[in-house]
Amino acid sequence: MVLIAVSLLFSGIAYAGSVPPPQAPTKGMVTMVDIGAKKCIPCKMMAPIMEELEKEYKGKASILFIDVWEHPNEAPKYGIRGIPTQIFYDKDGKETFRHSGFFDKKSIVEQLVKLGVK
């Protein structure tokens, strides 16, 4: 986990991005949101997995990424203490699972399947 990143985030060193972050959960869809930063090492490891999942699950589940270094107000909104953190929501918007740290594709797919995504 990148606890230093979260410390920097709350110290005001982070900057606000010009593009608004995606809002999670996506209404009426199973949602997986990866909350991290494009420059943190474990987050960089997650990036290609997220890209694959976004393509594979298009129309079936909402796969989102929120960069908390670009959008510092998002970390407290989701109760983030370290990055990356992945949060899964059912189609009704209820949080069902949360994981902190690198999360491999197989484990993410298992969580999506548990939520009924095929």
C-alpha atoms as a PDB file:
ATOM      1  CA  MET A   1       0.000   0.000   0.000  1.00  0.00           C
ATOM      2  CA  VAL A   2       1.051   3.517  -0.536  1.00  0.00           C
ATOM      3  CA  LEU A   3       0.317   5.182   2.777  1.00  0.00           C
ATOM      4  CA  ILE A   4       2.738   7.987   1.963  1.00  0.00           C
ATOM      5  CA  ALA A   5       0.542   8.831  -0.986  1.00  0.00           C
ATOM      6  CA  VAL A   6      -2.469   9.230   1.234  1.00  0.00           C
ATOM      7  CA  SER A   7      -0.431  11.424   3.597  1.00  0.00           C
ATOM      8  CA  LEU A   8       0.548  13.634   0.680  1.00  0.00           C
ATOM      9  CA  LEU A   9      -3.035  13.624  -0.470  1.00  0.00           C
ATOM     10  CA  PHE A  10      -4.306  15.080   2.786  1.00  0.00           C
ATOM     11  CA  SER A  11      -1.403  17.496   3.170  1.00  0.00           C
ATOM     12  CA  GLY A  12      -2.592  19.540   0.205  1.00  0.00           C
ATOM     13  CA  ILE A  13       0.328  18.651  -2.081  1.00  0.00           C
ATOM     14  CA  ALA A  14      -2.011  16.877  -4.470  1.00  0.00           C
ATOM     15  CA  TYR A  15      -3.731  18.913  -7.154  1.00  0.00           C
ATOM     16  CA  ALA A  16      -7.301  18.889  -8.370  1.00  0.00           C
ATOM     17  CA  GLY A  17      -7.744  17.530 -11.887  1.00  0.00           C
ATOM     18  CA  SER A  18      -9.642  19.410 -14.543  1.00  0.00           C
ATOM     19  CA  VAL A  19     -11.711  16.385 -15.608  1.00  0.00           C
ATOM     20  CA  PRO A  20     -14.225  15.315 -12.965  1.00  0.00           C
ATOM     21  CA  PRO A  21     -13.725  11.819 -11.562  1.00  0.00           C
ATOM     22  CA  PRO A  22     -16.193   9.040 -12.377  1.00  0.00           C
ATOM     23  CA  GLN A  23     -18.909   8.566  -9.797  1.00  0.00           C
ATOM     24  CA  ALA A  24     -19.229   5.164  -8.181  1.00  0.00           C
ATOM     25  CA  PRO A  25     -21.239   3.098  -7.981  1.00  0.00           C
ATOM     26  CA  THR A  26     -22.818   3.219 -11.422  1.00  0.00           C
ATOM     27  CA  LYS A  27     -26.593   3.201 -11.030  1.00  0.00           C
ATOM     28  CA  GLY A  28     -28.159  -0.165 -11.893  1.00  0.00           C
ATOM     29  CA  MET A  29     -24.842  -1.922 -12.638  1.00  0.00           C
ATOM     30  CA  VAL A  30     -22.355  -4.029 -10.758  1.00  0.00           C
ATOM     31  CA  THR A  31     -19.425  -1.679 -10.247  1.00  0.00           C
ATOM     32  CA  MET A  32     -15.754  -2.227  -9.502  1.00  0.00           C
ATOM     33  CA  VAL A  33     -13.803   0.922  -8.738  1.00  0.00           C
ATOM     34  CA  ASP A  34     -10.029   0.983  -8.369  1.00  0.00           C
ATOM     35  CA  ILE A  35      -8.964   3.982  -6.322  1.00  0.00           C
ATOM     36  CA  GLY A  36      -5.308   4.848  -6.672  1.00  0.00           C
ATOM     37  CA  ALA A  37      -2.909   7.111  -8.544  1.00  0.00           C
ATOM     38  CA  LYS A  38      -1.383   6.808 -11.990  1.00  0.00           C
ATOM     39  CA  LYS A  39       2.118   7.209 -10.544  1.00  0.00           C
ATOM     40  CA  CYS A  40       2.041   4.784  -7.592  1.00  0.00           C
ATOM     41  CA  ILE A  41       3.870   1.518  -8.354  1.00  0.00           C
ATOM     42  CA  PRO A  42       1.124  -0.995  -7.386  1.00  0.00           C
ATOM     43  CA  CYS A  43      -1.399   1.245  -9.148  1.00  0.00           C
ATOM     44  CA  LYS A  44       0.712   1.141 -12.323  1.00  0.00           C
ATOM     45  CA  MET A  45       0.649  -2.659 -12.055  1.00  0.00           C
ATOM     46  CA  MET A  46      -3.156  -2.524 -11.888  1.00  0.00           C
ATOM     47  CA  ALA A  47      -3.532  -0.264 -14.959  1.00  0.00           C
ATOM     48  CA  PRO A  48      -3.291  -2.948 -17.702  1.00  0.00           C
ATOM     49  CA  ILE A  49      -5.644  -5.206 -15.735  1.00  0.00           C
ATOM     50  CA  MET A  50      -8.164  -2.386 -15.451  1.00  0.00           C
ATOM     51  CA  GLU A  51      -7.923  -1.683 -19.188  1.00  0.00           C
ATOM     52  CA  GLU A  52      -8.558  -5.354 -20.008  1.00  0.00           C
ATOM     53  CA  LEU A  53     -11.486  -5.586 -17.596  1.00  0.00           C
ATOM     54  CA  GLU A  54     -13.050  -2.401 -18.910  1.00  0.00           C
ATOM     55  CA  LYS A  55     -13.083  -3.857 -22.440  1.00  0.00           C
ATOM     56  CA  GLU A  56     -14.127  -7.387 -21.415  1.00  0.00           C
ATOM     57  CA  TYR A  57     -16.997  -6.254 -19.187  1.00  0.00           C
ATOM     58  CA  LYS A  58     -18.308  -3.351 -21.265  1.00  0.00           C
ATOM     59  CA  GLY A  59     -22.085  -3.338 -20.925  1.00  0.00           C
ATOM     60  CA  LYS A  60     -21.949  -6.050 -18.232  1.00  0.00           C
ATOM     61  CA  ALA A  61     -20.263  -4.217 -15.344  1.00  0.00           C
ATOM     62  CA  SER A  62     -18.898  -0.769 -14.695  1.00  0.00           C
ATOM     63  CA  ILE A  63     -15.105  -0.819 -14.254  1.00  0.00           C
ATOM     64  CA  LEU A  64     -13.814   2.544 -13.001  1.00  0.00           C
ATOM     65  CA  PHE A  65     -10.555   4.157 -11.922  1.00  0.00           C
ATOM     66  CA  ILE A  66     -10.283   7.218  -9.699  1.00  0.00           C
ATOM     67  CA  ASP A  67      -6.923   8.956  -9.305  1.00  0.00           C
ATOM     68  CA  VAL A  68      -6.864  10.414  -5.800  1.00  0.00           C
ATOM     69  CA  TRP A  69      -3.741  12.456  -6.520  1.00  0.00           C
ATOM     70  CA  GLU A  70      -5.691  14.259  -9.240  1.00  0.00           C
ATOM     71  CA  HIS A  71      -8.920  14.298  -7.186  1.00  0.00           C
ATOM     72  CA  PRO A  72      -7.946  14.568  -3.508  1.00  0.00           C
ATOM     73  CA  ASN A  73     -11.530  14.958  -2.284  1.00  0.00           C
ATOM     74  CA  GLU A  74     -12.366  11.439  -3.465  1.00  0.00           C
ATOM     75  CA  ALA A  75     -10.220   9.583  -0.884  1.00  0.00           C
ATOM     76  CA  PRO A  76     -12.283  10.587   2.170  1.00  0.00           C
ATOM     77  CA  LYS A  77     -15.505  10.149   0.198  1.00  0.00           C
ATOM     78  CA  TYR A  78     -14.702   6.428  -0.202  1.00  0.00           C
ATOM     79  CA  GLY A  79     -12.930   6.010   3.154  1.00  0.00           C
ATOM     80  CA  ILE A  80      -9.542   5.341   1.543  1.00  0.00           C
ATOM     81  CA  ARG A  81      -6.584   4.805   3.873  1.00  0.00           C
ATOM     82  CA  GLY A  82      -4.093   3.378   1.353  1.00  0.00           C
ATOM     83  CA  ILE A  83      -3.841   2.946  -2.396  1.00  0.00           C
ATOM     84  CA  PRO A  84      -4.689   1.129  -4.479  1.00  0.00           C
ATOM     85  CA  THR A  85      -8.034   0.122  -2.996  1.00  0.00           C
ATOM     86  CA  GLN A  86     -10.662  -1.762  -4.980  1.00  0.00           C
ATOM     87  CA  ILE A  87     -14.321  -1.497  -4.024  1.00  0.00           C
ATOM     88  CA  PHE A  88     -17.071  -3.702  -5.437  1.00  0.00           C
ATOM     89  CA  TYR A  89     -20.749  -2.731  -5.478  1.00  0.00           C
ATOM     90  CA  ASP A  90     -23.783  -4.809  -6.387  1.00  0.00           C
ATOM     91  CA  LYS A  91     -26.288  -3.536  -8.948  1.00  0.00           C
ATOM     92  CA  ASP A  92     -28.248  -1.841  -6.143  1.00  0.00           C
ATOM     93  CA  GLY A  93     -25.200   0.222  -5.166  1.00  0.00           C
ATOM     94  CA  LYS A  94     -24.399  -1.654  -1.956  1.00  0.00           C
ATOM     95  CA  GLU A  95     -20.710  -2.182  -1.203  1.00  0.00           C
ATOM     96  CA  THR A  96     -20.032  -5.913  -1.105  1.00  0.00           C
ATOM     97  CA  PHE A  97     -16.240  -6.213  -0.955  1.00  0.00           C
ATOM     98  CA  ARG A  98     -13.158  -4.057  -0.446  1.00  0.00           C
ATOM     99  CA  HIS A  99      -9.472  -4.860  -0.947  1.00  0.00           C
ATOM    100  CA  SER A 100      -6.355  -2.734  -0.411  1.00  0.00           C
ATOM    101  CA  GLY A 101      -3.153  -3.283  -2.392  1.00  0.00           C
ATOM    102  CA  PHE A 102      -2.471  -4.897  -5.741  1.00  0.00           C
ATOM    103  CA  PHE A 103      -5.355  -7.191  -6.780  1.00  0.00           C
ATOM    104  CA  ASP A 104      -4.805  -9.654  -9.617  1.00  0.00           C
ATOM    105  CA  LYS A 105      -7.232 -10.108 -12.512  1.00  0.00           C
ATOM    106  CA  LYS A 106      -8.330 -13.601 -11.443  1.00  0.00           C
ATOM    107  CA  SER A 107      -9.355 -12.324  -8.007  1.00  0.00           C
ATOM    108  CA  ILE A 108     -11.233  -9.373  -9.500  1.00  0.00           C
ATOM    109  CA  VAL A 109     -13.098 -11.660 -11.906  1.00  0.00           C
ATOM    110  CA  GLU A 110     -14.027 -13.941  -8.981  1.00  0.00           C
ATOM    111  CA  GLN A 111     -15.621 -10.987  -7.190  1.00  0.00           C
ATOM    112  CA  LEU A 112     -17.508  -9.929 -10.335  1.00  0.00           C
ATOM    113  CA  VAL A 113     -18.805 -13.482 -10.798  1.00  0.00           C
ATOM    114  CA  LYS A 114     -19.978 -13.540  -7.155  1.00  0.00           C
ATOM    115  CA  LEU A 115     -21.999 -10.445  -8.009  1.00  0.00           C
ATOM    116  CA  GLY A 116     -23.633 -12.224 -10.959  1.00  0.00           C
ATOM    117  CA  VAL A 117     -21.544 -10.806 -13.798  1.00  0.00           C
ATOM    118  CA  LYS A 118     -20.700 -13.322 -16.540  1.00  0.00           C
END
